[in-house]
Protein backbone atom coordinates (compact mmCIF):
# COMPACT_ATOMS: atom_id res chain seq x y z
CA UNK A 1 -4.63 -0.54 19.85
CA UNK A 2 -6.47 -3.72 20.95
CA UNK A 3 -9.70 -2.25 19.59
CA UNK A 4 -8.10 -1.56 16.21
CA UNK A 5 -6.73 -5.13 16.12
CA UNK A 6 -10.21 -6.60 16.62
CA UNK A 7 -11.76 -4.25 14.08
CA UNK A 8 -9.18 -5.33 11.51
CA UNK A 9 -9.96 -8.97 12.31
CA UNK A 10 -13.64 -8.23 11.84
CA UNK A 11 -13.04 -6.71 8.42
CA UNK A 12 -10.82 -9.65 7.47
CA UNK A 13 -13.37 -12.24 8.54
CA UNK A 14 -16.25 -10.48 6.78
CA UNK A 15 -14.38 -9.90 3.54
CA UNK A 16 -12.13 -12.95 3.36
CA UNK A 17 -13.66 -13.90 0.01
CA UNK A 18 -12.32 -10.72 -1.66
CA UNK A 19 -9.04 -10.34 0.21
CA UNK A 20 -7.93 -13.98 0.24
CA UNK A 21 -9.97 -16.20 -2.05
CA UNK A 22 -10.06 -13.91 -5.09
CA UNK A 23 -6.24 -13.57 -5.42
CA UNK A 24 -5.82 -17.19 -4.30
CA UNK A 25 -8.09 -18.42 -7.09
CA UNK A 26 -6.23 -16.27 -9.63
CA UNK A 27 -2.92 -17.65 -8.35
CA UNK A 28 -4.18 -21.25 -8.47
CA UNK A 29 -5.36 -20.82 -12.09
CA UNK A 30 -1.97 -19.41 -13.11
CA UNK A 31 -0.03 -22.20 -11.39
CA UNK A 32 -2.25 -24.92 -12.82
CA UNK A 33 -1.96 -23.53 -16.36
CA UNK A 34 1.83 -23.25 -16.14
CA UNK A 35 2.14 -26.66 -14.55
CA UNK A 36 0.00 -28.15 -17.31
CA UNK A 37 2.14 -26.60 -20.04
CA UNK A 38 5.41 -27.69 -18.39
CA UNK A 39 4.08 -31.16 -17.63
CA UNK A 40 2.84 -31.61 -21.15
CA UNK A 41 6.11 -30.29 -22.62
CA UNK A 42 8.32 -32.54 -20.49
CA UNK A 43 6.11 -35.58 -20.80
CA UNK A 44 5.70 -35.25 -24.58
CA UNK A 45 9.42 -34.33 -25.08
CA UNK A 46 8.39 -30.96 -26.53
CA UNK A 47 11.38 -29.36 -24.87
CA UNK A 48 13.70 -31.80 -26.61
CA UNK A 49 13.09 -30.32 -30.03
CA UNK A 50 16.47 -29.37 -31.54
CA UNK A 51 14.92 -26.38 -33.32
CA UNK A 52 14.23 -24.63 -29.99
CA UNK A 53 16.24 -21.48 -29.38
CA UNK A 54 16.45 -19.21 -26.35
CA UNK A 55 17.45 -15.56 -26.16
CA UNK A 56 20.16 -15.09 -23.55
CA UNK A 57 22.04 -11.82 -23.10
CA UNK A 58 20.47 -10.54 -26.32
CA UNK A 59 21.71 -13.49 -28.35
CA UNK A 60 19.83 -16.52 -29.63
CA UNK A 61 21.18 -19.80 -28.21
CA UNK A 62 20.36 -23.09 -29.98
CA UNK A 63 19.18 -25.96 -27.81
CA UNK A 64 22.21 -28.03 -28.73
CA UNK A 65 24.38 -25.23 -27.28
CA UNK A 66 22.50 -25.06 -23.98
CA UNK A 67 24.92 -27.39 -22.21
CA UNK A 68 27.66 -24.79 -22.74
CA UNK A 69 25.66 -22.39 -20.51
CA UNK A 70 25.83 -24.85 -17.60
CA UNK A 71 29.31 -23.77 -16.57
CA UNK A 72 29.63 -20.30 -18.15
CA UNK A 73 29.01 -16.73 -17.05
CA UNK A 74 25.71 -16.75 -18.89
CA UNK A 75 24.29 -19.37 -16.53
CA UNK A 76 24.88 -17.02 -13.59
CA UNK A 77 23.41 -14.15 -15.51
CA UNK A 78 20.29 -16.15 -16.28
CA UNK A 79 19.94 -17.02 -12.60
CA UNK A 80 20.28 -13.36 -11.65
CA UNK A 81 17.60 -12.27 -14.09
CA UNK A 82 15.23 -15.00 -12.82
CA UNK A 83 15.83 -14.18 -9.15
CA UNK A 84 15.42 -10.42 -9.67
CA UNK A 85 12.36 -10.46 -11.92
CA UNK A 86 10.34 -13.60 -11.09
CA UNK A 87 7.69 -11.61 -9.20
CA UNK A 88 6.65 -9.98 -12.50
CA UNK A 89 4.89 -13.27 -13.20
CA UNK A 90 2.43 -12.40 -10.43
CA UNK A 91 1.22 -9.23 -12.18
CA UNK A 92 -2.24 -10.67 -13.01
CA UNK A 93 -2.75 -11.42 -9.30
CA UNK A 94 -1.92 -7.79 -8.41
CA UNK A 95 -4.65 -6.68 -10.82
CA UNK A 96 -7.21 -8.36 -8.53
CA UNK A 97 -6.22 -5.97 -5.70
CA UNK A 98 -7.60 -2.68 -7.10
CA UNK A 99 -10.92 -4.32 -8.00
CA UNK A 100 -11.37 -5.82 -4.55
CA UNK A 101 -10.21 -2.66 -2.76
CA UNK A 102 -12.43 -0.43 -4.90
CA UNK A 103 -15.65 -2.24 -4.15
CA UNK A 104 -14.69 -2.81 -0.51
CA UNK A 105 -14.21 0.94 0.07
CA UNK A 106 -17.35 1.69 -1.84
CA UNK A 107 -19.44 -0.59 0.38
CA UNK A 108 -17.52 -0.12 3.64
CA UNK A 109 -19.79 2.56 5.19
CA UNK A 110 -22.83 2.22 2.95
CA UNK A 111 -23.61 -1.40 3.89
CA UNK A 112 -23.66 -0.56 7.61
CA UNK A 113 -26.36 2.02 6.95
CA UNK A 114 -28.26 -0.13 4.49
CA UNK A 115 -28.71 -3.09 6.84
CA UNK A 116 -28.98 -0.82 9.94
CA UNK A 117 -26.06 -2.58 11.63
CA UNK A 118 -24.60 0.87 12.19
CA UNK A 119 -26.97 1.21 15.12
CA UNK A 120 -25.35 -1.81 16.80
CA UNK A 121 -21.81 -0.57 16.13
CA UNK A 122 -22.68 2.90 17.44
CA UNK A 123 -23.89 1.31 20.68
CA UNK A 124 -20.35 0.01 21.29
CA UNK A 125 -17.61 2.17 22.82
CA UNK A 126 -15.90 2.51 19.43
CA UNK A 127 -15.43 5.91 17.86
CA UNK A 128 -16.39 6.68 14.26
CA UNK A 129 -12.78 7.67 13.61
CA UNK A 130 -11.45 4.28 14.75
CA UNK A 131 -14.07 2.46 12.67
CA UNK A 132 -13.36 4.36 9.47
CA UNK A 133 -9.59 4.11 9.94
CA UNK A 134 -9.89 0.35 10.41
CA UNK A 135 -11.60 0.09 7.04
CA UNK A 136 -8.96 2.34 5.49
CA UNK A 137 -6.11 0.23 6.90
CA UNK A 138 -7.83 -2.93 5.71
CA UNK A 139 -8.03 -1.65 2.12
CA UNK A 140 -4.64 0.04 1.90
CA UNK A 141 -2.40 -2.10 4.10
CA UNK A 142 -3.95 -5.48 4.93
CA UNK A 143 -5.28 -6.27 1.43
CA UNK A 144 -1.98 -5.39 -0.33
CA UNK A 145 0.04 -7.39 2.17
CA UNK A 146 -2.13 -10.45 1.63
CA UNK A 147 -1.93 -10.05 -2.15
CA UNK A 148 1.84 -9.72 -2.04
CA UNK A 149 2.10 -12.91 0.00
CA UNK A 150 -0.10 -14.90 -2.37
CA UNK A 151 1.49 -13.45 -5.51
CA UNK A 152 5.01 -14.12 -4.20
CA UNK A 153 4.15 -17.73 -3.39
CA UNK A 154 2.55 -18.26 -6.81
CA UNK A 155 5.47 -16.59 -8.62
CA UNK A 156 7.93 -18.81 -6.69
CA UNK A 157 6.06 -21.95 -7.67
CA UNK A 158 6.01 -20.83 -11.31
CA UNK A 159 9.74 -20.09 -11.09
CA UNK A 160 10.36 -23.65 -9.92
CA UNK A 161 8.22 -24.99 -12.79
CA UNK A 162 10.24 -22.82 -15.20
CA UNK A 163 13.39 -24.33 -13.69
CA UNK A 164 12.05 -27.78 -14.46
CA UNK A 165 11.37 -26.75 -18.07
CA UNK A 166 14.89 -25.31 -18.44
CA UNK A 167 16.37 -28.42 -16.85
CA UNK A 168 14.71 -30.46 -19.61
CA UNK A 169 16.90 -28.51 -22.06
CA UNK A 170 20.10 -29.42 -20.25
CA UNK A 171 20.63 -26.45 -17.93
CA UNK A 172 20.20 -26.72 -14.18
CA UNK A 173 19.57 -23.28 -12.73
CA UNK A 174 18.18 -24.38 -9.37
CA UNK A 175 21.38 -23.91 -7.41
CA UNK A 176 22.27 -20.40 -8.56
CA UNK A 177 18.65 -19.21 -8.42
CA UNK A 178 17.87 -20.59 -4.97
CA UNK A 179 21.16 -19.26 -3.58
CA UNK A 180 20.55 -15.75 -4.92
CA UNK A 181 19.64 -13.40 -2.06
CA UNK A 182 17.39 -11.30 -4.30
CA UNK A 183 15.04 -14.28 -4.65
CA UNK A 184 14.10 -13.88 -0.99
CA UNK A 185 14.42 -10.09 -0.75
CA UNK A 186 12.08 -9.37 -3.67
CA UNK A 187 8.88 -9.91 -1.62
CA UNK A 188 10.40 -7.72 1.12
CA UNK A 189 10.96 -4.98 -1.45
CA UNK A 190 7.29 -5.21 -2.43
CA UNK A 191 6.22 -4.93 1.19
CA UNK A 192 8.42 -1.85 1.48
CA UNK A 193 6.38 -0.22 -1.30
CA UNK A 194 3.16 -0.36 0.72
CA UNK A 195 3.69 3.08 2.33
CA UNK A 196 4.11 4.53 -1.15
CA UNK A 197 0.95 2.73 -2.27
CA UNK A 198 -0.96 4.12 0.72
CA UNK A 199 -0.05 7.73 -0.08
CA UNK A 200 -0.93 7.46 -3.77
CA UNK A 201 -4.14 5.53 -3.03
CA UNK A 202 -5.43 7.97 -0.40
CA UNK A 203 -7.37 10.18 -2.88
CA UNK A 204 -9.26 7.21 -4.33
CA UNK A 205 -9.90 5.56 -0.97
CA UNK A 206 -11.02 8.87 0.51
CA UNK A 207 -13.38 9.55 -2.37
CA UNK A 208 -14.94 6.09 -2.20
CA UNK A 209 -15.37 6.24 1.58
CA UNK A 210 -16.93 9.71 1.26
CA UNK A 211 -19.45 8.45 -1.29
CA UNK A 212 -20.04 5.34 0.81
CA UNK A 213 -20.89 7.45 3.84
CA UNK A 214 -23.05 9.91 1.95
CA UNK A 215 -24.98 8.16 -0.85
CA UNK A 216 -28.43 6.87 -0.01
CA UNK A 217 -28.33 4.36 -2.88
CA UNK A 218 -26.50 3.47 -6.11
CA UNK A 219 -23.09 4.18 -4.65
CA UNK A 220 -21.26 2.86 -7.72
CA UNK A 221 -23.04 5.29 -10.01
CA UNK A 222 -22.24 8.20 -7.69
CA UNK A 223 -18.58 7.19 -7.30
CA UNK A 224 -17.89 6.56 -10.98
CA UNK A 225 -20.58 8.60 -12.65
CA UNK A 226 -19.71 11.96 -11.07
CA UNK A 227 -16.05 11.94 -12.21
CA UNK A 228 -17.01 10.70 -15.69
CA UNK A 229 -19.73 13.32 -16.14
CA UNK A 230 -17.33 15.93 -14.82
CA UNK A 231 -14.73 14.85 -17.40
CA UNK A 232 -17.29 15.08 -20.23
CA UNK A 233 -18.43 18.55 -19.10
CA UNK A 234 -14.86 19.77 -18.78
CA UNK A 235 -14.01 18.58 -22.29
CA UNK A 236 -17.14 20.25 -23.65
CA UNK A 237 -16.42 23.49 -21.80
CA UNK A 238 -12.81 23.41 -22.98
CA UNK A 239 -13.97 22.98 -26.57
CA UNK A 240 -16.39 25.89 -26.29
CA UNK A 241 -13.80 28.18 -24.73
CA UNK A 242 -11.31 27.39 -27.50
CA UNK A 243 -13.73 29.07 -29.87
CA UNK A 244 -13.25 32.25 -27.86
CA UNK A 245 -9.47 31.95 -27.78
CA UNK A 246 -9.03 30.60 -24.25
CA UNK A 247 -8.90 27.24 -22.48
CA UNK A 248 -9.25 25.65 -19.04
CA UNK A 249 -6.78 22.84 -19.81
CA UNK A 250 -9.36 20.11 -19.33
CA UNK A 251 -6.90 17.32 -20.11
CA UNK A 252 -4.68 18.35 -17.21
CA UNK A 253 -7.62 18.39 -14.79
CA UNK A 254 -8.83 15.00 -16.00
CA UNK A 255 -5.35 13.39 -15.81
CA UNK A 256 -4.35 14.90 -12.47
CA UNK A 257 -7.64 15.08 -10.55
CA UNK A 258 -10.38 12.87 -11.96
CA UNK A 259 -8.16 9.88 -12.80
CA UNK A 260 -6.60 10.12 -9.36
CA UNK A 261 -10.06 9.70 -7.82
CA UNK A 262 -10.64 6.46 -9.71
CA UNK A 263 -7.27 4.84 -10.43
CA UNK A 264 -5.29 5.48 -7.26
CA UNK A 265 -5.86 1.93 -5.99
CA UNK A 266 -3.99 0.40 -8.93
CA UNK A 267 -0.53 -0.78 -7.81
CA UNK A 268 2.15 1.31 -9.49
CA UNK A 269 -0.26 4.13 -10.31
CA UNK A 270 2.62 6.55 -9.78
CA UNK A 271 4.22 5.20 -12.95
CA UNK A 272 1.09 5.51 -15.09
CA UNK A 273 1.15 9.25 -15.82
CA UNK A 274 4.77 9.40 -16.80
CA UNK A 275 5.77 11.59 -13.89
CA UNK A 276 8.01 8.80 -12.52
CA UNK A 277 10.10 6.82 -14.97
CA UNK A 278 9.81 3.04 -14.76
CA UNK A 279 13.35 1.70 -14.28
CA UNK A 280 13.81 -0.66 -17.24
CA UNK A 281 17.21 -2.03 -18.14
CA UNK A 282 18.08 -2.75 -21.73
CA UNK A 283 18.15 -6.53 -21.43
CA UNK A 284 16.93 -7.61 -18.02
CA UNK A 285 13.94 -5.38 -17.27
CA UNK A 286 13.54 -3.70 -13.88
CA UNK A 287 14.82 -5.51 -10.77
CA UNK A 288 12.84 -5.11 -7.59
CA UNK A 289 15.44 -2.91 -5.84
CA UNK A 290 15.37 -0.40 -8.70
CA UNK A 291 11.58 -0.50 -8.67
CA UNK A 292 11.55 0.15 -4.93
CA UNK A 293 13.96 3.10 -5.31
CA UNK A 294 11.88 4.64 -8.14
CA UNK A 295 8.66 4.15 -6.16
CA UNK A 296 9.97 6.00 -3.11
CA UNK A 297 11.42 8.61 -5.44
CA UNK A 298 7.89 9.34 -6.68
CA UNK A 299 7.14 10.90 -3.29
CA UNK A 300 9.28 13.85 -4.33
CA UNK A 301 6.47 14.89 -6.64
CA UNK A 302 4.14 17.57 -5.17
CA UNK A 303 1.02 15.91 -6.59
CA UNK A 304 1.59 12.91 -4.35
CA UNK A 305 1.27 15.02 -1.20
CA UNK A 306 -1.49 17.25 -2.60
CA UNK A 307 -3.52 14.17 -3.46
CA UNK A 308 -2.81 12.61 -0.04
CA UNK A 309 -3.98 15.80 1.66
CA UNK A 310 -7.17 15.73 -0.41
CA UNK A 311 -7.68 12.08 0.51
CA UNK A 312 -7.25 12.85 4.22
CA UNK A 313 -9.78 15.68 3.91
CA UNK A 314 -12.34 13.38 2.27
CA UNK A 315 -11.76 10.70 4.92
CA UNK A 316 -12.38 13.32 7.65
CA UNK A 317 -15.62 14.27 5.89
CA UNK A 318 -16.61 10.58 5.71
CA UNK A 319 -16.01 10.21 9.46
CA UNK A 320 -18.18 13.24 10.17
CA UNK A 321 -20.95 12.00 7.84
CA UNK A 322 -20.91 8.58 9.54
CA UNK A 323 -21.29 10.27 12.89
CA UNK A 324 -24.50 12.03 11.91
CA UNK A 325 -25.97 9.97 9.09
CA UNK A 326 -27.35 6.64 10.20
CA UNK A 327 -30.37 6.12 7.97
CA UNK A 328 -30.71 2.94 5.92
């Protein structure tokens, strides 16, 4: 356990730029842009325009009527919506995660062979299994946890800025929002989705680590090119077979196998193919608890476990290749 802890620290130190600074820069840009808009609006009295209307509970509310919301049921409803859905603002930050994790997995085992540092690591009393698993945990657990922390902090700051903007229109939502328990539980709900993310991301992570441990060069072309060429060949073969009255159902293979190899690291990938319905309410979107429940419910689908088994098999192959393949 102590060995794994130090290996994880090593991966964090060596890839801090991708795991920390990339989402942090994205978060900073978002916060600065929102702060600039709010600051300009408040300073220039843009929010005092009487023609401004807001949509609350499906109805348009004129700015001159906003003071009525300060003591009504709608004020509490607005606070509930904000507290339950504010993390959606951090979606652009979460898009940084699959890019960073993709290239990290792709280079995780290849770089050690390229610069011959694998010879040093093999001289230490650390097994290949422990080394590969440390890289897997870094990509599928550590990186998402860091991203969730940064995105949650950025979304909270943006929520406060939005509260300032709403206050300029005569409605103070700070008390009901900050006293709402879901405001603080939403990041916890996201953290609780990490095991689901790990299972759905295993095929992609396993494929990238396998290519990283096997390819002598041009790992990106091997990792992306092979599935894309396979997709083209399958579509061509399917087209040719249709002429003879049969089919291999190429679209199903592409959607359920090839896309899984490349898109599994995208957060919420289990909602992308329509197999799991995204819980969206008519007026308020999807709160984090519903999203958490639907995410765990996706594990009832057989393809989740079949893909995870395939990912484990590819990871085992990557460990074996690393054990015997140490050329640069």
